[in-house]
C-alpha atoms as a PDB file:
ATOM      1  CA  MET A   1     -86.818 -49.009 129.822  1.00  0.00           C
ATOM      2  CA  CYS A   2     -88.780 -45.819 129.762  1.00  0.00           C
ATOM      3  CA  SER A   3     -91.890 -47.706 128.540  1.00  0.00           C
ATOM      4  CA  ALA A   4     -91.701 -50.196 131.355  1.00  0.00           C
ATOM      5  CA  ILE A   5     -91.403 -47.356 133.892  1.00  0.00           C
ATOM      6  CA  ARG A   6     -94.350 -45.483 132.470  1.00  0.00           C
ATOM      7  CA  ASP A   7     -96.403 -48.656 132.589  1.00  0.00           C
ATOM      8  CA  LYS A   8     -95.621 -49.362 136.219  1.00  0.00           C
ATOM      9  CA  LEU A   9     -95.517 -45.888 137.613  1.00  0.00           C
ATOM     10  CA  ALA A  10     -98.426 -43.829 136.301  1.00  0.00           C
ATOM     11  CA  TYR A  11     -97.424 -40.667 138.148  1.00  0.00           C
ATOM     12  CA  ILE A  12     -94.177 -40.357 136.168  1.00  0.00           C
ATOM     13  CA  LYS A  13     -94.674 -37.554 133.449  1.00  0.00           C
ATOM     14  CA  CYS A  14     -92.359 -37.900 130.609  1.00  0.00           C
ATOM     15  CA  ASP A  15     -93.380 -34.756 128.598  1.00  0.00           C
ATOM     16  CA  ASP A  16     -90.420 -32.729 129.642  1.00  0.00           C
ATOM     17  CA  CYS A  17     -87.760 -35.479 129.647  1.00  0.00           C
ATOM     18  CA  GLU A  18     -84.826 -34.411 127.577  1.00  0.00           C
ATOM     19  CA  TYR A  19     -83.902 -38.026 126.754  1.00  0.00           C
ATOM     20  CA  ARG A  20     -87.095 -39.106 125.077  1.00  0.00           C
ATOM     21  CA  PHE A  21     -87.433 -39.302 121.411  1.00  0.00           C
ATOM     22  CA  LYS A  22     -88.930 -36.250 119.623  1.00  0.00           C
ATOM     23  CA  TYR A  23     -92.633 -36.555 119.464  1.00  0.00           C
ATOM     24  CA  SER A  24     -92.239 -39.604 121.810  1.00  0.00           C
ATOM     25  CA  LYS A  25     -91.703 -41.941 118.937  1.00  0.00           C
ATOM     26  CA  LEU A  26     -88.816 -43.585 117.213  1.00  0.00           C
ATOM     27  CA  LYS A  27     -89.329 -43.180 113.498  1.00  0.00           C
ATOM     28  CA  LYS A  28     -88.117 -45.600 110.807  1.00  0.00           C
ATOM     29  CA  GLY A  29     -85.964 -42.673 109.216  1.00  0.00           C
ATOM     30  CA  ASN A  30     -84.330 -41.945 112.581  1.00  0.00           C
ATOM     31  CA  ILE A  31     -80.577 -41.361 112.171  1.00  0.00           C
ATOM     32  CA  LEU A  32     -79.827 -43.933 115.049  1.00  0.00           C
ATOM     33  CA  VAL A  33     -81.768 -46.566 113.254  1.00  0.00           C
ATOM     34  CA  LYS A  34     -80.093 -45.917 109.935  1.00  0.00           C
ATOM     35  CA  ASN A  35     -76.726 -46.256 111.555  1.00  0.00           C
ATOM     36  CA  ILE A  36     -77.341 -48.922 114.086  1.00  0.00           C
ATOM     37  CA  ARG A  37     -74.221 -50.961 112.884  1.00  0.00           C
ATOM     38  CA  ILE A  38     -71.858 -47.980 113.127  1.00  0.00           C
ATOM     39  CA  LEU A  39     -72.828 -47.080 116.727  1.00  0.00           C
ATOM     40  CA  PRO A  40     -70.486 -49.630 118.415  1.00  0.00           C
ATOM     41  CA  LYS A  41     -67.555 -48.315 116.477  1.00  0.00           C
ATOM     42  CA  LEU A  42     -68.024 -44.803 117.667  1.00  0.00           C
ATOM     43  CA  SER A  43     -66.120 -43.051 120.473  1.00  0.00           C
ATOM     44  CA  ASN A  44     -68.107 -42.024 123.496  1.00  0.00           C
ATOM     45  CA  THR A  45     -68.211 -38.435 122.393  1.00  0.00           C
ATOM     46  CA  GLN A  46     -69.273 -39.286 118.859  1.00  0.00           C
ATOM     47  CA  ARG A  47     -72.004 -41.633 120.336  1.00  0.00           C
ATOM     48  CA  GLY A  48     -73.234 -38.788 122.676  1.00  0.00           C
ATOM     49  CA  ILE A  49     -73.590 -36.483 119.728  1.00  0.00           C
ATOM     50  CA  ALA A  50     -75.183 -39.082 117.624  1.00  0.00           C
ATOM     51  CA  CYS A  51     -77.769 -39.857 120.398  1.00  0.00           C
ATOM     52  CA  LEU A  52     -78.446 -36.097 120.655  1.00  0.00           C
ATOM     53  CA  LEU A  53     -79.031 -35.863 116.896  1.00  0.00           C
ATOM     54  CA  GLY A  54     -81.360 -38.922 117.022  1.00  0.00           C
ATOM     55  CA  THR A  55     -83.440 -37.886 119.973  1.00  0.00           C
ATOM     56  CA  VAL A  56     -83.478 -34.050 120.374  1.00  0.00           C
ATOM     57  CA  TYR A  57     -82.926 -33.154 116.692  1.00  0.00           C
ATOM     58  CA  ASP A  58     -84.641 -36.057 115.008  1.00  0.00           C
ATOM     59  CA  GLY A  59     -85.260 -35.216 111.436  1.00  0.00           C
ATOM     60  CA  GLU A  60     -83.724 -31.627 111.733  1.00  0.00           C
ATOM     61  CA  SER A  61     -80.363 -30.255 110.636  1.00  0.00           C
ATOM     62  CA  PRO A  62     -79.101 -28.173 113.628  1.00  0.00           C
ATOM     63  CA  SER A  63     -76.077 -25.965 113.305  1.00  0.00           C
ATOM     64  CA  ILE A  64     -72.792 -26.797 115.137  1.00  0.00           C
ATOM     65  CA  SER A  65     -73.582 -23.937 117.419  1.00  0.00           C
ATOM     66  CA  GLU A  66     -76.953 -25.259 118.323  1.00  0.00           C
ATOM     67  CA  ILE A  67     -75.492 -28.752 119.081  1.00  0.00           C
ATOM     68  CA  THR A  68     -72.685 -27.030 121.070  1.00  0.00           C
ATOM     69  CA  GLU A  69     -75.158 -25.275 123.214  1.00  0.00           C
ATOM     70  CA  LYS A  70     -77.407 -28.295 123.901  1.00  0.00           C
ATOM     71  CA  ALA A  71     -74.577 -30.732 124.490  1.00  0.00           C
ATOM     72  CA  LYS A  72     -72.601 -28.112 126.644  1.00  0.00           C
ATOM     73  CA  MET A  73     -69.559 -29.033 124.792  1.00  0.00           C
ATOM     74  CA  ASN A  74     -66.594 -27.073 123.153  1.00  0.00           C
ATOM     75  CA  PHE A  75     -67.410 -25.848 119.652  1.00  0.00           C
ATOM     76  CA  ASN A  76     -64.220 -27.351 118.059  1.00  0.00           C
ATOM     77  CA  THR A  77     -64.952 -30.702 119.816  1.00  0.00           C
ATOM     78  CA  VAL A  78     -68.471 -30.822 118.252  1.00  0.00           C
ATOM     79  CA  LYS A  79     -67.130 -29.667 114.886  1.00  0.00           C
ATOM     80  CA  ASN A  80     -64.511 -32.496 114.993  1.00  0.00           C
ATOM     81  CA  VAL A  81     -67.116 -35.091 115.973  1.00  0.00           C
ATOM     82  CA  ILE A  82     -69.444 -34.048 113.233  1.00  0.00           C
ATOM     83  CA  GLU A  83     -66.680 -34.220 110.714  1.00  0.00           C
ATOM     84  CA  GLY A  84     -65.701 -37.748 112.089  1.00  0.00           C
ATOM     85  CA  LEU A  85     -69.249 -38.853 111.747  1.00  0.00           C
ATOM     86  CA  LYS A  86     -69.427 -37.677 108.172  1.00  0.00           C
ATOM     87  CA  GLU A  87     -66.207 -39.530 107.341  1.00  0.00           C
ATOM     88  CA  GLN A  88     -67.739 -42.757 108.810  1.00  0.00           C
ATOM     89  CA  GLY A  89     -70.754 -42.408 106.630  1.00  0.00           C
ATOM     90  CA  PHE A  90     -73.181 -41.526 109.472  1.00  0.00           C
ATOM     91  CA  PHE A  91     -74.831 -38.827 107.441  1.00  0.00           C
ATOM     92  CA  LYS A  92     -76.207 -40.245 104.115  1.00  0.00           C
END
């Protein structure tokens, strides 16, 4: 969707968009690509954190505190989501 918007509306500047992939590219090793089959099985909260990890923190290992701050969520909620994702094999 974003690429279609950029193609049609040249005045749209995506450099500061918080929803674009890091470095404006989706890499082969992206955590979302690796776990594409698991995504439909995740809860909304798990999916939100997964998308945050795949876009904002692509290739990084942020702390739970960093994720909590960026997602504006409760620390214990993020901790439980990360543990749930680990149990489902999201991090390999």
